[in-house]
């Protein structure tokens, strides 16, 4: 199973896809440094002691982000063909700190 933009959906959204299919393997393609999950819950947006639900803040972390933060293998592509060099240099210096 290949999931593109895998850093975007919340973890429950990804698990609904996994529940309907029994893939041999999973390939998650995405960028955890770009847009993350869109969270609408007012409880998930609260920080610290204000939040009565201790698990709500996890909604802001995608399944892909959680795997990455727990040491799962990540491959970074070092070539991009979407933007001209002047534009790609701007976001490369701001977010990636590696030559693209």
PDB file of N, CA and C in Angstrom:
ATOM      1  N   UNK A   1       0.850  -1.157   0.000  1.00  0.00           N
ATOM      2  CA  UNK A   1       0.000   0.000   0.000  1.00  0.00           C
ATOM      3  C   UNK A   1       0.903   1.230   0.000  1.00  0.00           C
ATOM      4  N   UNK A   2       0.612   2.172  -0.867  1.00  0.00           N
ATOM      5  CA  UNK A   2       1.360   3.425  -0.942  1.00  0.00           C
ATOM      6  C   UNK A   2       0.422   4.552  -0.531  1.00  0.00           C
ATOM      7  N   UNK A   3       0.838   5.332   0.450  1.00  0.00           N
ATOM      8  CA  UNK A   3       0.046   6.475   0.899  1.00  0.00           C
ATOM      9  C   UNK A   3       0.863   7.732   0.659  1.00  0.00           C
ATOM     10  N   UNK A   4       0.376   8.571  -0.244  1.00  0.00           N
ATOM     11  CA  UNK A   4       1.039   9.838  -0.551  1.00  0.00           C
ATOM     12  C   UNK A   4       0.522  10.904   0.408  1.00  0.00           C
ATOM     13  N   UNK A   5       1.336  11.906   0.688  1.00  0.00           N
ATOM     14  CA  UNK A   5       1.005  12.964   1.655  1.00  0.00           C
ATOM     15  C   UNK A   5       0.661  12.356   3.011  1.00  0.00           C
ATOM     16  N   UNK A   6       1.416  11.355   3.433  1.00  0.00           N
ATOM     17  CA  UNK A   6       1.132  10.618   4.662  1.00  0.00           C
ATOM     18  C   UNK A   6       1.375  11.426   5.930  1.00  0.00           C
ATOM     19  N   UNK A   7       2.052  12.549   5.843  1.00  0.00           N
ATOM     20  CA  UNK A   7       2.276  13.387   7.018  1.00  0.00           C
ATOM     21  C   UNK A   7       1.080  14.285   7.298  1.00  0.00           C
ATOM     22  N   UNK A   8       0.111  14.311   6.420  1.00  0.00           N
ATOM     23  CA  UNK A   8      -1.030  15.221   6.537  1.00  0.00           C
ATOM     24  C   UNK A   8      -2.192  14.675   7.385  1.00  0.00           C
ATOM     25  N   UNK A   9      -2.638  13.421   7.194  1.00  0.00           N
ATOM     26  CA  UNK A   9      -3.797  12.960   7.969  1.00  0.00           C
ATOM     27  C   UNK A   9      -3.449  12.656   9.421  1.00  0.00           C
ATOM     28  N   UNK A  10      -4.462  12.737  10.273  1.00  0.00           N
ATOM     29  CA  UNK A  10      -4.273  12.358  11.673  1.00  0.00           C
ATOM     30  C   UNK A  10      -4.131  10.841  11.747  1.00  0.00           C
ATOM     31  N   UNK A  11      -3.665  10.355  12.876  1.00  0.00           N
ATOM     32  CA  UNK A  11      -3.473   8.911  13.016  1.00  0.00           C
ATOM     33  C   UNK A  11      -4.785   8.130  12.872  1.00  0.00           C
ATOM     34  N   UNK A  12      -5.899   8.554  13.478  1.00  0.00           N
ATOM     35  CA  UNK A  12      -7.157   7.819  13.252  1.00  0.00           C
ATOM     36  C   UNK A  12      -7.580   7.783  11.783  1.00  0.00           C
ATOM     37  N   UNK A  13      -7.293   8.828  11.041  1.00  0.00           N
ATOM     38  CA  UNK A  13      -7.630   8.830   9.614  1.00  0.00           C
ATOM     39  C   UNK A  13      -6.819   7.782   8.854  1.00  0.00           C
ATOM     40  N   UNK A  14      -5.564   7.603   9.214  1.00  0.00           N
ATOM     41  CA  UNK A  14      -4.728   6.584   8.571  1.00  0.00           C
ATOM     42  C   UNK A  14      -5.212   5.187   8.954  1.00  0.00           C
ATOM     43  N   UNK A  15      -5.566   4.997  10.236  1.00  0.00           N
ATOM     44  CA  UNK A  15      -5.988   3.668  10.677  1.00  0.00           C
ATOM     45  C   UNK A  15      -7.281   3.226  10.010  1.00  0.00           C
ATOM     46  N   UNK A  16      -8.149   4.149   9.628  1.00  0.00           N
ATOM     47  CA  UNK A  16      -9.364   3.745   8.914  1.00  0.00           C
ATOM     48  C   UNK A  16      -9.014   3.153   7.551  1.00  0.00           C
ATOM     49  N   UNK A  17      -7.984   3.662   6.909  1.00  0.00           N
ATOM     50  CA  UNK A  17      -7.525   3.089   5.636  1.00  0.00           C
ATOM     51  C   UNK A  17      -6.931   1.702   5.880  1.00  0.00           C
ATOM     52  N   UNK A  18      -6.091   1.572   6.901  1.00  0.00           N
ATOM     53  CA  UNK A  18      -5.476   0.280   7.204  1.00  0.00           C
ATOM     54  C   UNK A  18      -6.532  -0.767   7.561  1.00  0.00           C
ATOM     55  N   UNK A  19      -7.630  -0.355   8.183  1.00  0.00           N
ATOM     56  CA  UNK A  19      -8.675  -1.293   8.603  1.00  0.00           C
ATOM     57  C   UNK A  19      -9.420  -1.905   7.424  1.00  0.00           C
ATOM     58  N   UNK A  20      -9.438  -1.224   6.292  1.00  0.00           N
ATOM     59  CA  UNK A  20     -10.183  -1.708   5.133  1.00  0.00           C
ATOM     60  C   UNK A  20      -9.346  -2.533   4.163  1.00  0.00           C
ATOM     61  N   UNK A  21      -8.041  -2.548   4.340  1.00  0.00           N
ATOM     62  CA  UNK A  21      -7.155  -3.263   3.430  1.00  0.00           C
ATOM     63  C   UNK A  21      -6.162  -4.087   4.235  1.00  0.00           C
ATOM     64  N   UNK A  22      -5.702  -5.161   3.666  1.00  0.00           N
ATOM     65  CA  UNK A  22      -4.690  -5.999   4.312  1.00  0.00           C
ATOM     66  C   UNK A  22      -3.444  -6.026   3.423  1.00  0.00           C
ATOM     67  N   UNK A  23      -2.699  -4.931   3.400  1.00  0.00           N
ATOM     68  CA  UNK A  23      -1.542  -4.871   2.500  1.00  0.00           C
ATOM     69  C   UNK A  23      -0.383  -5.731   2.997  1.00  0.00           C
ATOM     70  N   UNK A  24       0.453  -6.122   2.067  1.00  0.00           N
ATOM     71  CA  UNK A  24       1.667  -6.860   2.413  1.00  0.00           C
ATOM     72  C   UNK A  24       2.654  -5.917   3.098  1.00  0.00           C
ATOM     73  N   UNK A  25       2.710  -4.690   2.641  1.00  0.00           N
ATOM     74  CA  UNK A  25       3.592  -3.686   3.217  1.00  0.00           C
ATOM     75  C   UNK A  25       2.972  -2.311   3.087  1.00  0.00           C
ATOM     76  N   UNK A  26       3.585  -1.350   3.723  1.00  0.00           N
ATOM     77  CA  UNK A  26       3.091   0.029   3.673  1.00  0.00           C
ATOM     78  C   UNK A  26       4.260   0.956   3.357  1.00  0.00           C
ATOM     79  N   UNK A  27       4.047   1.828   2.386  1.00  0.00           N
ATOM     80  CA  UNK A  27       5.035   2.843   2.035  1.00  0.00           C
ATOM     81  C   UNK A  27       4.372   4.191   2.252  1.00  0.00           C
ATOM     82  N   UNK A  28       4.865   4.934   3.225  1.00  0.00           N
ATOM     83  CA  UNK A  28       4.322   6.254   3.531  1.00  0.00           C
ATOM     84  C   UNK A  28       5.212   7.296   2.875  1.00  0.00           C
ATOM     85  N   UNK A  29       4.614   8.131   2.052  1.00  0.00           N
ATOM     86  CA  UNK A  29       5.352   9.182   1.362  1.00  0.00           C
ATOM     87  C   UNK A  29       4.812  10.514   1.842  1.00  0.00           C
ATOM     88  N   UNK A  30       5.688  11.360   2.334  1.00  0.00           N
ATOM     89  CA  UNK A  30       5.249  12.660   2.811  1.00  0.00           C
ATOM     90  C   UNK A  30       6.405  13.410   3.435  1.00  0.00           C
ATOM     91  N   UNK A  31       6.104  14.570   3.937  1.00  0.00           N
ATOM     92  CA  UNK A  31       7.122  15.427   4.528  1.00  0.00           C
ATOM     93  C   UNK A  31       6.596  15.960   5.847  1.00  0.00           C
ATOM     94  N   UNK A  32       7.147  15.469   6.948  1.00  0.00           N
ATOM     95  CA  UNK A  32       6.692  15.893   8.271  1.00  0.00           C
ATOM     96  C   UNK A  32       7.091  17.332   8.591  1.00  0.00           C
ATOM     97  N   UNK A  33       7.920  17.942   7.759  1.00  0.00           N
ATOM     98  CA  UNK A  33       8.301  19.343   7.972  1.00  0.00           C
ATOM     99  C   UNK A  33       7.379  20.300   7.225  1.00  0.00           C
ATOM    100  N   UNK A  34       6.470  19.751   6.434  1.00  0.00           N
ATOM    101  CA  UNK A  34       5.489  20.591   5.749  1.00  0.00           C
ATOM    102  C   UNK A  34       4.192  20.567   6.552  1.00  0.00           C
ATOM    103  N   UNK A  35       3.079  20.700   5.884  1.00  0.00           N
ATOM    104  CA  UNK A  35       1.798  20.743   6.573  1.00  0.00           C
ATOM    105  C   UNK A  35       1.542  19.463   7.353  1.00  0.00           C
ATOM    106  N   UNK A  36       1.156  19.629   8.609  1.00  0.00           N
ATOM    107  CA  UNK A  36       0.802  18.486   9.434  1.00  0.00           C
ATOM    108  C   UNK A  36      -0.698  18.288   9.441  1.00  0.00           C
ATOM    109  N   UNK A  37      -1.181  17.456  10.343  1.00  0.00           N
ATOM    110  CA  UNK A  37      -2.616  17.205  10.424  1.00  0.00           C
ATOM    111  C   UNK A  37      -3.406  18.471  10.737  1.00  0.00           C
ATOM    112  N   UNK A  38      -4.578  18.557  10.144  1.00  0.00           N
ATOM    113  CA  UNK A  38      -5.485  19.672  10.427  1.00  0.00           C
ATOM    114  C   UNK A  38      -6.399  19.234  11.566  1.00  0.00           C
ATOM    115  N   UNK A  39      -6.258  19.875  12.710  1.00  0.00           N
ATOM    116  CA  UNK A  39      -7.010  19.493  13.903  1.00  0.00           C
ATOM    117  C   UNK A  39      -8.057  20.552  14.186  1.00  0.00           C
ATOM    118  N   UNK A  40      -9.316  20.124  14.306  1.00  0.00           N
ATOM    119  CA  UNK A  40     -10.405  21.060  14.567  1.00  0.00           C
ATOM    120  C   UNK A  40     -10.908  20.999  16.003  1.00  0.00           C
ATOM    121  N   UNK A  41     -10.548  19.959  16.732  1.00  0.00           N
ATOM    122  CA  UNK A  41     -11.054  19.774  18.086  1.00  0.00           C
ATOM    123  C   UNK A  41     -10.559  20.874  19.013  1.00  0.00           C
ATOM    124  N   UNK A  42     -11.464  21.561  19.730  1.00  0.00           N
ATOM    125  CA  UNK A  42     -11.013  22.576  20.681  1.00  0.00           C
ATOM    126  C   UNK A  42     -10.199  21.963  21.821  1.00  0.00           C
ATOM    127  N   UNK A  43     -10.461  20.697  22.169  1.00  0.00           N
ATOM    128  CA  UNK A  43      -9.690  20.043  23.224  1.00  0.00           C
ATOM    129  C   UNK A  43      -8.264  19.755  22.767  1.00  0.00           C
ATOM    130  N   UNK A  44      -8.105  19.380  21.522  1.00  0.00           N
ATOM    131  CA  UNK A  44      -6.769  19.074  21.006  1.00  0.00           C
ATOM    132  C   UNK A  44      -5.917  20.324  20.890  1.00  0.00           C
ATOM    133  N   UNK A  45      -6.556  21.469  20.731  1.00  0.00           N
ATOM    134  CA  UNK A  45      -5.819  22.718  20.570  1.00  0.00           C
ATOM    135  C   UNK A  45      -5.385  23.319  21.899  1.00  0.00           C
ATOM    136  N   UNK A  46      -5.984  22.869  23.004  1.00  0.00           N
ATOM    137  CA  UNK A  46      -5.600  23.389  24.322  1.00  0.00           C
ATOM    138  C   UNK A  46      -4.278  22.777  24.752  1.00  0.00           C
ATOM    139  N   UNK A  47      -3.525  23.533  25.511  1.00  0.00           N
ATOM    140  CA  UNK A  47      -2.216  23.069  25.956  1.00  0.00           C
ATOM    141  C   UNK A  47      -2.206  22.856  27.467  1.00  0.00           C
ATOM    142  N   UNK A  48      -1.387  21.922  27.912  1.00  0.00           N
ATOM    143  CA  UNK A  48      -1.104  21.743  29.326  1.00  0.00           C
ATOM    144  C   UNK A  48      -2.282  21.337  30.183  1.00  0.00           C
ATOM    145  N   UNK A  49      -2.365  21.942  31.369  1.00  0.00           N
ATOM    146  CA  UNK A  49      -3.351  21.545  32.364  1.00  0.00           C
ATOM    147  C   UNK A  49      -4.770  21.958  32.005  1.00  0.00           C
ATOM    148  N   UNK A  50      -4.933  22.862  31.051  1.00  0.00           N
ATOM    149  CA  UNK A  50      -6.273  23.273  30.648  1.00  0.00           C
ATOM    150  C   UNK A  50      -7.028  22.126  29.989  1.00  0.00           C
ATOM    151  N   UNK A  51      -6.313  21.154  29.477  1.00  0.00           N
ATOM    152  CA  UNK A  51      -6.928  20.100  28.685  1.00  0.00           C
ATOM    153  C   UNK A  51      -7.285  18.900  29.554  1.00  0.00           C
ATOM    154  N   UNK A  52      -8.582  18.565  29.673  1.00  0.00           N
ATOM    155  CA  UNK A  52      -8.979  17.415  30.482  1.00  0.00           C
ATOM    156  C   UNK A  52      -8.672  16.071  29.812  1.00  0.00           C
ATOM    157  N   UNK A  53      -8.441  16.072  28.509  1.00  0.00           N
ATOM    158  CA  UNK A  53      -8.146  14.842  27.778  1.00  0.00           C
ATOM    159  C   UNK A  53      -6.647  14.762  27.525  1.00  0.00           C
ATOM    160  N   UNK A  54      -5.977  13.863  28.205  1.00  0.00           N
ATOM    161  CA  UNK A  54      -4.532  13.736  28.084  1.00  0.00           C
ATOM    162  C   UNK A  54      -4.046  13.251  26.732  1.00  0.00           C
ATOM    163  N   UNK A  55      -4.945  12.680  25.930  1.00  0.00           N
ATOM    164  CA  UNK A  55      -4.556  12.160  24.624  1.00  0.00           C
ATOM    165  C   UNK A  55      -4.874  13.117  23.485  1.00  0.00           C
ATOM    166  N   UNK A  56      -5.591  14.184  23.758  1.00  0.00           N
ATOM    167  CA  UNK A  56      -6.053  15.084  22.699  1.00  0.00           C
ATOM    168  C   UNK A  56      -4.900  15.739  21.947  1.00  0.00           C
ATOM    169  N   UNK A  57      -3.823  16.062  22.634  1.00  0.00           N
ATOM    170  CA  UNK A  57      -2.707  16.746  21.972  1.00  0.00           C
ATOM    171  C   UNK A  57      -2.029  15.860  20.931  1.00  0.00           C
ATOM    172  N   UNK A  58      -2.222  14.547  21.013  1.00  0.00           N
ATOM    173  CA  UNK A  58      -1.622  13.640  20.040  1.00  0.00           C
ATOM    174  C   UNK A  58      -2.234  13.800  18.659  1.00  0.00           C
ATOM    175  N   UNK A  59      -3.398  14.434  18.568  1.00  0.00           N
ATOM    176  CA  UNK A  59      -4.033  14.635  17.273  1.00  0.00           C
ATOM    177  C   UNK A  59      -3.194  15.531  16.369  1.00  0.00           C
ATOM    178  N   UNK A  60      -2.336  16.341  16.944  1.00  0.00           N
ATOM    179  CA  UNK A  60      -1.493  17.223  16.149  1.00  0.00           C
ATOM    180  C   UNK A  60      -0.292  16.529  15.532  1.00  0.00           C
ATOM    181  N   UNK A  61      -0.102  15.245  15.837  1.00  0.00           N
ATOM    182  CA  UNK A  61       1.026  14.483  15.306  1.00  0.00           C
ATOM    183  C   UNK A  61       0.486  13.407  14.372  1.00  0.00           C
ATOM    184  N   UNK A  62       0.986  13.365  13.168  1.00  0.00           N
ATOM    185  CA  UNK A  62       0.536  12.358  12.203  1.00  0.00           C
ATOM    186  C   UNK A  62       1.142  10.997  12.541  1.00  0.00           C
ATOM    187  N   UNK A  63       0.557   9.958  11.975  1.00  0.00           N
ATOM    188  CA  UNK A  63       1.089   8.601  12.128  1.00  0.00           C
ATOM    189  C   UNK A  63       2.529   8.553  11.620  1.00  0.00           C
ATOM    190  N   UNK A  64       2.766   9.176  10.484  1.00  0.00           N
ATOM    191  CA  UNK A  64       4.111   9.206   9.910  1.00  0.00           C
ATOM    192  C   UNK A  64       5.080   9.948  10.836  1.00  0.00           C
ATOM    193  N   UNK A  65       4.627  11.057  11.411  1.00  0.00           N
ATOM    194  CA  UNK A  65       5.460  11.815  12.338  1.00  0.00           C
ATOM    195  C   UNK A  65       5.801  11.025  13.586  1.00  0.00           C
ATOM    196  N   UNK A  66       4.821  10.254  14.088  1.00  0.00           N
ATOM    197  CA  UNK A  66       5.061   9.440  15.276  1.00  0.00           C
ATOM    198  C   UNK A  66       6.070   8.334  14.968  1.00  0.00           C
ATOM    199  N   UNK A  67       5.924   7.694  13.815  1.00  0.00           N
ATOM    200  CA  UNK A  67       6.893   6.658  13.440  1.00  0.00           C
ATOM    201  C   UNK A  67       8.298   7.243  13.317  1.00  0.00           C
ATOM    202  N   UNK A  68       8.390   8.394  12.678  1.00  0.00           N
ATOM    203  CA  UNK A  68       9.693   9.046  12.498  1.00  0.00           C
ATOM    204  C   UNK A  68      10.311   9.413  13.840  1.00  0.00           C
ATOM    205  N   UNK A  69       9.508   9.954  14.752  1.00  0.00           N
ATOM    206  CA  UNK A  69      10.041  10.372  16.052  1.00  0.00           C
ATOM    207  C   UNK A  69      10.419   9.182  16.933  1.00  0.00           C
ATOM    208  N   UNK A  70       9.947   7.982  16.589  1.00  0.00           N
ATOM    209  CA  UNK A  70      10.281   6.780  17.353  1.00  0.00           C
ATOM    210  C   UNK A  70      11.350   5.928  16.684  1.00  0.00           C
ATOM    211  N   UNK A  71      12.060   6.511  15.723  1.00  0.00           N
ATOM    212  CA  UNK A  71      13.233   5.861  15.168  1.00  0.00           C
ATOM    213  C   UNK A  71      13.012   4.955  13.974  1.00  0.00           C
ATOM    214  N   UNK A  72      11.820   4.960  13.382  1.00  0.00           N
ATOM    215  CA  UNK A  72      11.611   4.152  12.186  1.00  0.00           C
ATOM    216  C   UNK A  72      12.426   4.729  11.032  1.00  0.00           C
ATOM    217  N   UNK A  73      12.781   3.876  10.112  1.00  0.00           N
ATOM    218  CA  UNK A  73      13.633   4.255   8.991  1.00  0.00           C
ATOM    219  C   UNK A  73      12.971   5.318   8.111  1.00  0.00           C
ATOM    220  N   UNK A  74      13.722   6.376   7.829  1.00  0.00           N
ATOM    221  CA  UNK A  74      13.253   7.474   6.989  1.00  0.00           C
ATOM    222  C   UNK A  74      14.297   7.714   5.908  1.00  0.00           C
ATOM    223  N   UNK A  75      13.833   7.888   4.688  1.00  0.00           N
ATOM    224  CA  UNK A  75      14.726   8.222   3.583  1.00  0.00           C
ATOM    225  C   UNK A  75      14.374   9.614   3.096  1.00  0.00           C
ATOM    226  N   UNK A  76      15.365  10.473   2.970  1.00  0.00           N
ATOM    227  CA  UNK A  76      15.147  11.831   2.490  1.00  0.00           C
ATOM    228  C   UNK A  76      15.625  11.931   1.054  1.00  0.00           C
ATOM    229  N   UNK A  77      14.741  12.368   0.195  1.00  0.00           N
ATOM    230  CA  UNK A  77      15.118  12.568  -1.201  1.00  0.00           C
ATOM    231  C   UNK A  77      15.929  13.855  -1.305  1.00  0.00           C
ATOM    232  N   UNK A  78      16.991  13.821  -2.060  1.00  0.00           N
ATOM    233  CA  UNK A  78      17.877  14.987  -2.140  1.00  0.00           C
ATOM    234  C   UNK A  78      17.805  15.691  -3.486  1.00  0.00           C
ATOM    235  N   UNK A  79      16.881  15.300  -4.317  1.00  0.00           N
ATOM    236  CA  UNK A  79      16.715  15.974  -5.605  1.00  0.00           C
ATOM    237  C   UNK A  79      15.261  16.378  -5.757  1.00  0.00           C
ATOM    238  N   UNK A  80      15.042  17.613  -6.150  1.00  0.00           N
ATOM    239  CA  UNK A  80      13.683  18.080  -6.390  1.00  0.00           C
ATOM    240  C   UNK A  80      13.645  18.767  -7.739  1.00  0.00           C
ATOM    241  N   UNK A  81      12.518  18.630  -8.405  1.00  0.00           N
ATOM    242  CA  UNK A  81      12.355  19.234  -9.724  1.00  0.00           C
ATOM    243  C   UNK A  81      11.107  20.099  -9.802  1.00  0.00           C
ATOM    244  N   UNK A  82      10.558  20.475  -8.654  1.00  0.00           N
ATOM    245  CA  UNK A  82       9.316  21.248  -8.627  1.00  0.00           C
ATOM    246  C   UNK A  82       9.552  22.747  -8.723  1.00  0.00           C
ATOM    247  N   UNK A  83      10.584  23.231  -8.097  1.00  0.00           N
ATOM    248  CA  UNK A  83      10.790  24.679  -8.016  1.00  0.00           C
ATOM    249  C   UNK A  83      12.121  25.068  -8.657  1.00  0.00           C
ATOM    250  N   UNK A  84      12.172  26.309  -9.131  1.00  0.00           N
ATOM    251  CA  UNK A  84      13.430  26.819  -9.669  1.00  0.00           C
ATOM    252  C   UNK A  84      14.427  26.963  -8.517  1.00  0.00           C
ATOM    253  N   UNK A  85      15.729  26.927  -8.800  1.00  0.00           N
ATOM    254  CA  UNK A  85      16.733  26.942  -7.735  1.00  0.00           C
ATOM    255  C   UNK A  85      16.598  28.088  -6.733  1.00  0.00           C
ATOM    256  N   UNK A  86      16.245  29.282  -7.179  1.00  0.00           N
ATOM    257  CA  UNK A  86      16.119  30.407  -6.251  1.00  0.00           C
ATOM    258  C   UNK A  86      15.019  30.209  -5.224  1.00  0.00           C
ATOM    259  N   UNK A  87      13.919  29.610  -5.639  1.00  0.00           N
ATOM    260  CA  UNK A  87      12.808  29.351  -4.715  1.00  0.00           C
ATOM    261  C   UNK A  87      13.130  28.161  -3.818  1.00  0.00           C
ATOM    262  N   UNK A  88      13.656  27.097  -4.391  1.00  0.00           N
ATOM    263  CA  UNK A  88      13.954  25.916  -3.572  1.00  0.00           C
ATOM    264  C   UNK A  88      15.032  26.212  -2.529  1.00  0.00           C
ATOM    265  N   UNK A  89      15.963  27.110  -2.834  1.00  0.00           N
ATOM    266  CA  UNK A  89      16.999  27.469  -1.860  1.00  0.00           C
ATOM    267  C   UNK A  89      16.393  28.115  -0.625  1.00  0.00           C
ATOM    268  N   UNK A  90      15.318  28.876  -0.802  1.00  0.00           N
ATOM    269  CA  UNK A  90      14.673  29.550   0.327  1.00  0.00           C
ATOM    270  C   UNK A  90      14.116  28.543   1.317  1.00  0.00           C
ATOM    271  N   UNK A  91      13.281  27.607   0.850  1.00  0.00           N
ATOM    272  CA  UNK A  91      12.712  26.656   1.807  1.00  0.00           C
ATOM    273  C   UNK A  91      13.719  25.594   2.230  1.00  0.00           C
ATOM    274  N   UNK A  92      14.702  25.309   1.392  1.00  0.00           N
ATOM    275  CA  UNK A  92      15.747  24.376   1.790  1.00  0.00           C
ATOM    276  C   UNK A  92      16.532  24.918   2.986  1.00  0.00           C
ATOM    277  N   UNK A  93      16.922  26.184   2.934  1.00  0.00           N
ATOM    278  CA  UNK A  93      17.668  26.791   4.042  1.00  0.00           C
ATOM    279  C   UNK A  93      16.819  26.922   5.296  1.00  0.00           C
ATOM    280  N   UNK A  94      15.521  27.167   5.133  1.00  0.00           N
ATOM    281  CA  UNK A  94      14.644  27.365   6.285  1.00  0.00           C
ATOM    282  C   UNK A  94      14.279  26.060   6.987  1.00  0.00           C
ATOM    283  N   UNK A  95      14.101  24.970   6.237  1.00  0.00           N
ATOM    284  CA  UNK A  95      13.552  23.757   6.838  1.00  0.00           C
ATOM    285  C   UNK A  95      14.459  22.532   6.802  1.00  0.00           C
ATOM    286  N   UNK A  96      15.290  22.389   5.800  1.00  0.00           N
ATOM    287  CA  UNK A  96      15.973  21.112   5.595  1.00  0.00           C
ATOM    288  C   UNK A  96      17.462  21.128   5.914  1.00  0.00           C
ATOM    289  N   UNK A  97      18.146  22.214   5.643  1.00  0.00           N
ATOM    290  CA  UNK A  97      19.577  22.356   5.942  1.00  0.00           C
ATOM    291  C   UNK A  97      20.434  21.291   5.252  1.00  0.00           C
ATOM    292  N   UNK A  98      19.961  20.801   4.104  1.00  0.00           N
ATOM    293  CA  UNK A  98      20.751  19.892   3.278  1.00  0.00           C
ATOM    294  C   UNK A  98      20.624  20.373   1.841  1.00  0.00           C
ATOM    295  N   UNK A  99      21.610  20.122   1.025  1.00  0.00           N
ATOM    296  CA  UNK A  99      21.493  20.572  -0.371  1.00  0.00           C
ATOM    297  C   UNK A  99      20.481  19.730  -1.140  1.00  0.00           C
ATOM    298  N   UNK A 100      19.566  20.415  -1.806  1.00  0.00           N
ATOM    299  CA  UNK A 100      18.610  19.718  -2.680  1.00  0.00           C
ATOM    300  C   UNK A 100      18.999  19.992  -4.116  1.00  0.00           C
TER     301      UNK A 100
END
